[in-house]
Amino acid sequence: MENDNTLKLAINGDINAFQKLFADFQPQLKSYLYRIVTDRNDADDLTHDTFVKAFDKISTFKGDASLKTWVFTIATRLAYDHQKRLKRWLPDAQDKSKALALSDSTVYDAINHVSHSIGKGAYNMKEHIDFCFTCISKTLPIEQQVALILKDIYDFSVKEICMILDLSLGVVKHLLINARKTMTNIFEHRCALINKNGVCHQCSELNGLHNPKQNQQEALMKLELVKAAKKSNRAELYKLRTKLVKGIDPLHTQGADLQDVIMKCTRKAIGEIQTLN
């Protein structure tokens, strides 16, 4: 009842009422935008722009969907516009990031500086698996990426995603099937955690560099994803990965600053940005 009254006030132009409602899902919205654009400042700017545009248009809100879904629709369109000038990532983006860090002392030192700083520079393998999921999702066409993240990470229903993307039920289901297939294929061939022939050991290697006191094998065996690798099928392993990712807010973890500078290294390695600053 209180939320109904607050919504009525917001629709009538009460910015404090709207701010109260927006605050309920703002952290989730910002982390969602970060997963799409992979830049903290851009995620902050897009969250602010979403608030401004949503409040400006609040009188048009008809209640056909929840306010959260309606706001995510606005945010997604803004993120689309932002991403238009950027290319999709290739599955080897993290390989290029590793090569850059090892060949460029400035980049390597920047990562080490964050790792040894007081604050959010701690290394955690789970957080890097989340980082990896974000990177691999950026290999998808934007609509597949958005549909996948909304459904598998933020638990929006297919019907809500149809509203956000302004697409039919059949199209959204098709986007999800293709997105999951692509993600599963990439992980199966690249990830050493689930396939001994996988070419990518980055989360384990970084654990050794930035968390040397942690027994690497012990850390690995605590991960449900690793324990299930030999006995689970591809679909089950994908679900375990998304379960892990769901529990992580990439902007507010013990190693958020470290993962962010590694993300910047990746973006620099593929030519998306020129410097880590």
Protein backbone atom coordinates (compact mmCIF):
# COMPACT_ATOMS: atom_id res chain seq x y z
CA MET A 1 0.00 0.00 0.00
CA GLU A 2 2.83 2.38 0.88
CA ASN A 3 4.53 1.69 -2.45
CA ASP A 4 1.22 2.29 -4.27
CA ASN A 5 0.91 5.69 -2.62
CA THR A 6 4.56 6.49 -3.33
CA LEU A 7 4.07 5.53 -6.97
CA LYS A 8 1.04 7.81 -7.25
CA LEU A 9 3.07 10.68 -5.83
CA ALA A 10 5.92 9.92 -8.26
CA ILE A 11 3.60 9.84 -11.27
CA ASN A 12 2.27 13.22 -10.17
CA GLY A 13 5.77 14.66 -10.26
CA ASP A 14 7.11 14.13 -6.73
CA ILE A 15 10.84 13.57 -7.33
CA ASN A 16 11.46 12.43 -3.75
CA ALA A 17 8.84 9.72 -4.14
CA PHE A 18 10.39 8.64 -7.43
CA GLN A 19 13.87 8.62 -5.88
CA LYS A 20 12.61 6.34 -3.11
CA LEU A 21 11.22 3.85 -5.61
CA PHE A 22 14.28 4.07 -7.88
CA ALA A 23 16.61 3.42 -4.93
CA ASP A 24 15.03 -0.01 -4.39
CA PHE A 25 16.59 -1.37 -7.58
CA GLN A 26 19.35 1.17 -8.34
CA PRO A 27 22.26 -1.10 -7.23
CA GLN A 28 20.96 -3.92 -9.44
CA LEU A 29 20.42 -1.52 -12.33
CA LYS A 30 23.95 -0.15 -12.06
CA SER A 31 25.55 -3.59 -11.92
CA TYR A 32 23.44 -4.63 -14.94
CA LEU A 33 24.65 -1.62 -16.90
CA TYR A 34 28.24 -2.33 -15.86
CA ARG A 35 27.95 -5.86 -17.24
CA ILE A 36 26.84 -4.38 -20.57
CA VAL A 37 29.31 -1.48 -20.90
CA THR A 38 32.17 -2.74 -18.62
CA ASP A 39 33.09 0.77 -17.49
CA ARG A 40 32.28 2.14 -14.04
CA ASN A 41 32.01 5.76 -15.10
CA ASP A 42 29.79 4.89 -18.03
CA ALA A 43 27.61 2.73 -15.78
CA ASP A 44 27.31 5.66 -13.35
CA ASP A 45 26.46 8.07 -16.16
CA LEU A 46 23.90 5.73 -17.69
CA THR A 47 22.28 5.14 -14.30
CA HIS A 48 21.99 8.90 -13.81
CA ASP A 49 20.66 9.42 -17.34
CA THR A 50 18.14 6.63 -16.77
CA PHE A 51 16.89 8.33 -13.60
CA VAL A 52 16.52 11.68 -15.36
CA LYS A 53 14.78 10.25 -18.41
CA ALA A 54 12.52 7.98 -16.37
CA PHE A 55 11.40 10.80 -14.09
CA ASP A 56 10.84 13.03 -17.11
CA LYS A 57 8.61 10.33 -18.64
CA ILE A 58 7.02 9.03 -15.43
CA SER A 59 3.62 10.46 -16.30
CA THR A 60 3.51 8.02 -19.25
CA PHE A 61 3.96 4.98 -16.99
CA LYS A 62 0.75 2.96 -17.31
CA GLY A 63 1.52 0.03 -15.03
CA ASP A 64 1.53 -2.58 -17.82
CA ALA A 65 4.78 -3.81 -16.26
CA SER A 66 6.46 -3.15 -12.92
CA LEU A 67 8.21 0.18 -12.49
CA LYS A 68 11.49 -1.74 -12.31
CA THR A 69 10.89 -3.37 -15.70
CA TRP A 70 9.85 -0.02 -17.18
CA VAL A 71 13.03 1.66 -15.88
CA PHE A 72 15.22 -1.20 -17.11
CA THR A 73 13.66 -0.68 -20.54
CA ILE A 74 14.83 2.92 -20.57
CA ALA A 75 18.27 1.93 -19.29
CA THR A 76 18.64 -0.79 -21.93
CA ARG A 77 17.87 1.63 -24.75
CA LEU A 78 20.46 4.07 -23.42
CA ALA A 79 23.00 1.25 -23.15
CA TYR A 80 22.20 0.21 -26.73
CA ASP A 81 22.94 3.74 -27.96
CA HIS A 82 26.19 3.74 -26.00
CA GLN A 83 27.32 0.40 -27.43
CA LYS A 84 26.55 1.21 -31.08
CA ARG A 85 30.03 2.59 -31.69
CA LEU A 86 31.79 -0.43 -30.18
CA LYS A 87 32.56 -3.81 -31.71
CA ARG A 88 31.61 -7.17 -30.23
CA TRP A 89 34.42 -8.84 -28.34
CA LEU A 90 36.15 -12.00 -29.54
CA PRO A 91 36.48 -15.03 -27.25
CA ASP A 92 40.26 -14.47 -27.00
CA ALA A 93 39.93 -10.99 -25.44
CA GLN A 94 41.28 -12.30 -22.13
CA ASP A 95 44.25 -13.91 -23.88
CA LYS A 96 45.11 -10.52 -25.36
CA SER A 97 44.71 -8.94 -21.93
CA LYS A 98 47.18 -11.41 -20.42
CA ALA A 99 49.67 -10.81 -23.24
CA LEU A 100 49.42 -7.03 -22.75
CA ALA A 101 49.92 -7.25 -18.98
CA LEU A 102 53.01 -9.42 -19.44
CA SER A 103 54.52 -7.24 -22.17
CA ASP A 104 53.70 -3.74 -20.86
CA SER A 105 55.31 -2.88 -17.52
CA THR A 106 53.04 0.14 -17.05
CA VAL A 107 49.94 -2.06 -17.26
CA TYR A 108 51.49 -4.78 -15.11
CA ASP A 109 52.51 -2.25 -12.43
CA ALA A 110 49.04 -0.68 -12.44
CA ILE A 111 47.43 -4.05 -11.78
CA ASN A 112 49.94 -4.87 -9.04
CA HIS A 113 49.43 -1.47 -7.42
CA VAL A 114 45.70 -2.07 -7.09
CA SER A 115 46.28 -5.61 -5.90
CA HIS A 116 48.46 -4.41 -3.02
CA SER A 117 46.40 -1.37 -2.10
CA ILE A 118 44.09 -1.12 0.88
CA GLY A 119 40.48 -1.37 -0.17
CA LYS A 120 38.96 -3.52 -2.88
CA GLY A 121 42.11 -5.01 -4.34
CA ALA A 122 41.84 -8.53 -2.92
CA TYR A 123 41.84 -11.42 -5.38
CA ASN A 124 39.03 -13.95 -5.25
CA MET A 125 38.67 -16.69 -7.83
CA LYS A 126 34.87 -16.55 -7.78
CA GLU A 127 34.97 -12.86 -8.65
CA HIS A 128 37.20 -13.54 -11.62
CA ILE A 129 34.83 -16.24 -12.86
CA ASP A 130 32.16 -13.54 -12.76
CA PHE A 131 34.54 -11.22 -14.67
CA CYS A 132 35.02 -13.97 -17.25
CA PHE A 133 31.27 -14.41 -17.67
CA THR A 134 30.94 -10.70 -18.44
CA CYS A 135 33.75 -10.85 -20.98
CA ILE A 136 32.35 -13.90 -22.77
CA SER A 137 28.84 -12.41 -22.82
CA LYS A 138 30.26 -9.48 -24.78
CA THR A 139 30.99 -11.86 -27.68
CA LEU A 140 27.21 -12.09 -28.22
CA PRO A 141 25.10 -9.79 -30.40
CA ILE A 142 23.78 -7.06 -28.09
CA GLU A 143 20.18 -8.34 -27.99
CA GLN A 144 21.37 -11.85 -27.08
CA GLN A 145 23.68 -10.43 -24.43
CA VAL A 146 20.93 -8.33 -22.86
CA ALA A 147 18.34 -11.12 -22.94
CA LEU A 148 20.78 -13.59 -21.40
CA ILE A 149 21.89 -11.27 -18.59
CA LEU A 150 18.35 -10.18 -17.77
CA LYS A 151 17.06 -13.76 -17.61
CA ASP A 152 19.95 -15.79 -16.26
CA ILE A 153 21.59 -13.27 -13.92
CA TYR A 154 18.81 -10.86 -12.87
CA ASP A 155 15.85 -13.28 -13.03
CA PHE A 156 13.56 -11.23 -15.26
CA SER A 157 10.80 -13.32 -16.81
CA VAL A 158 10.68 -13.93 -20.55
CA LYS A 159 7.54 -11.79 -20.68
CA GLU A 160 9.37 -8.90 -18.98
CA ILE A 161 12.31 -9.25 -21.37
CA CYS A 162 9.85 -9.07 -24.28
CA MET A 163 8.72 -5.70 -22.91
CA ILE A 164 12.25 -4.45 -22.32
CA LEU A 165 13.44 -5.42 -25.80
CA ASP A 166 10.09 -4.79 -27.53
CA LEU A 167 10.26 -8.23 -29.12
CA SER A 168 7.86 -11.15 -29.40
CA LEU A 169 7.91 -14.14 -27.09
CA GLY A 170 9.23 -16.41 -29.82
CA VAL A 171 12.07 -14.07 -30.71
CA VAL A 172 13.19 -13.68 -27.09
CA LYS A 173 13.14 -17.44 -26.54
CA HIS A 174 15.24 -17.84 -29.68
CA LEU A 175 17.71 -15.19 -28.45
CA LEU A 176 18.10 -17.04 -25.15
CA ILE A 177 18.62 -20.44 -26.80
CA ASN A 178 21.30 -19.09 -29.13
CA ALA A 179 23.00 -17.04 -26.42
CA ARG A 180 23.24 -19.98 -24.01
CA LYS A 181 24.49 -22.25 -26.78
CA THR A 182 27.25 -19.81 -27.71
CA MET A 183 28.28 -19.21 -24.10
CA THR A 184 28.29 -22.93 -23.32
CA ASN A 185 30.39 -23.74 -26.38
CA ILE A 186 32.96 -21.06 -25.57
CA PHE A 187 33.27 -22.13 -21.94
CA GLU A 188 33.52 -25.80 -22.85
CA HIS A 189 36.43 -25.20 -25.21
CA ARG A 190 38.20 -22.45 -23.27
CA CYS A 191 37.64 -22.99 -19.56
CA ALA A 192 40.18 -25.27 -17.86
CA LEU A 193 37.91 -25.44 -14.80
CA ILE A 194 35.37 -27.56 -16.66
CA ASN A 195 37.51 -29.15 -19.38
CA LYS A 196 41.09 -30.35 -18.87
CA ASN A 197 41.80 -29.39 -22.49
CA GLY A 198 40.58 -25.83 -21.92
CA VAL A 199 43.08 -23.19 -23.01
CA CYS A 200 42.22 -20.58 -20.36
CA HIS A 201 43.68 -20.86 -16.85
CA GLN A 202 43.47 -17.14 -16.08
CA CYS A 203 41.47 -17.35 -12.84
CA SER A 204 43.90 -19.95 -11.44
CA GLU A 205 46.98 -18.07 -12.66
CA LEU A 206 45.78 -14.78 -11.16
CA ASN A 207 45.04 -16.55 -7.90
CA GLY A 208 48.69 -17.59 -7.77
CA LEU A 209 49.88 -14.05 -8.50
CA HIS A 210 47.54 -11.99 -6.36
CA ASN A 211 46.54 -14.44 -3.65
CA PRO A 212 49.70 -16.54 -3.15
CA LYS A 213 48.82 -17.55 0.42
CA GLN A 214 45.65 -19.26 -0.80
CA ASN A 215 46.05 -22.93 -1.58
CA GLN A 216 44.99 -22.92 -5.22
CA GLN A 217 43.75 -26.51 -5.33
CA GLU A 218 41.81 -26.00 -2.11
CA ALA A 219 40.19 -22.87 -3.55
CA LEU A 220 39.29 -24.69 -6.75
CA MET A 221 37.69 -27.60 -4.99
CA LYS A 222 35.43 -25.28 -3.01
CA LEU A 223 33.81 -24.26 -6.29
CA GLU A 224 30.69 -26.24 -7.11
CA LEU A 225 31.45 -25.65 -10.78
CA VAL A 226 34.76 -27.48 -10.48
CA LYS A 227 33.43 -30.33 -8.34
CA ALA A 228 30.67 -30.98 -10.88
CA ALA A 229 32.86 -30.70 -13.98
CA LYS A 230 33.47 -34.44 -14.43
CA LYS A 231 29.92 -35.60 -13.82
CA SER A 232 27.68 -32.81 -15.12
CA ASN A 233 26.59 -32.08 -18.67
CA ARG A 234 27.11 -28.79 -20.49
CA ALA A 235 23.74 -27.31 -19.55
CA GLU A 236 24.19 -28.14 -15.86
CA LEU A 237 27.66 -26.58 -15.83
CA TYR A 238 26.29 -23.43 -17.41
CA LYS A 239 23.60 -23.22 -14.72
CA LEU A 240 26.21 -23.63 -11.99
CA ARG A 241 28.22 -20.81 -13.53
CA THR A 242 25.22 -18.47 -13.63
CA LYS A 243 24.38 -19.43 -10.05
CA LEU A 244 27.85 -18.29 -9.01
CA VAL A 245 27.59 -15.07 -11.05
CA LYS A 246 24.17 -14.22 -9.59
CA GLY A 247 25.69 -14.03 -6.14
CA ILE A 248 28.23 -11.38 -7.12
CA ASP A 249 27.82 -7.64 -7.58
CA PRO A 250 30.85 -6.72 -9.74
CA LEU A 251 30.85 -3.19 -8.34
CA HIS A 252 30.82 -4.10 -4.64
CA THR A 253 33.09 -7.01 -3.82
CA GLN A 254 36.34 -7.37 -1.88
CA GLY A 255 38.23 -7.35 -5.17
CA ALA A 256 36.09 -4.96 -7.22
CA ASP A 257 38.97 -2.53 -7.86
CA LEU A 258 41.32 -5.29 -8.95
CA GLN A 259 38.78 -6.85 -11.31
CA ASP A 260 38.02 -3.39 -12.70
CA VAL A 261 41.65 -2.65 -13.57
CA ILE A 262 41.92 -6.11 -15.18
CA MET A 263 38.80 -5.23 -17.19
CA LYS A 264 40.47 -1.99 -18.29
CA CYS A 265 43.52 -3.99 -19.32
CA THR A 266 41.27 -6.22 -21.43
CA ARG A 267 39.58 -3.23 -23.04
CA LYS A 268 42.96 -1.67 -23.80
CA ALA A 269 44.26 -4.94 -25.24
CA ILE A 270 41.41 -5.12 -27.76
CA GLY A 271 41.70 -1.42 -28.66
CA GLU A 272 38.52 -0.22 -26.96
CA ILE A 273 40.41 2.30 -24.78
CA GLN A 274 43.88 3.79 -25.00
CA THR A 275 44.89 4.06 -21.34
CA LEU A 276 43.91 2.54 -17.99
CA ASN A 277 43.12 5.96 -16.48
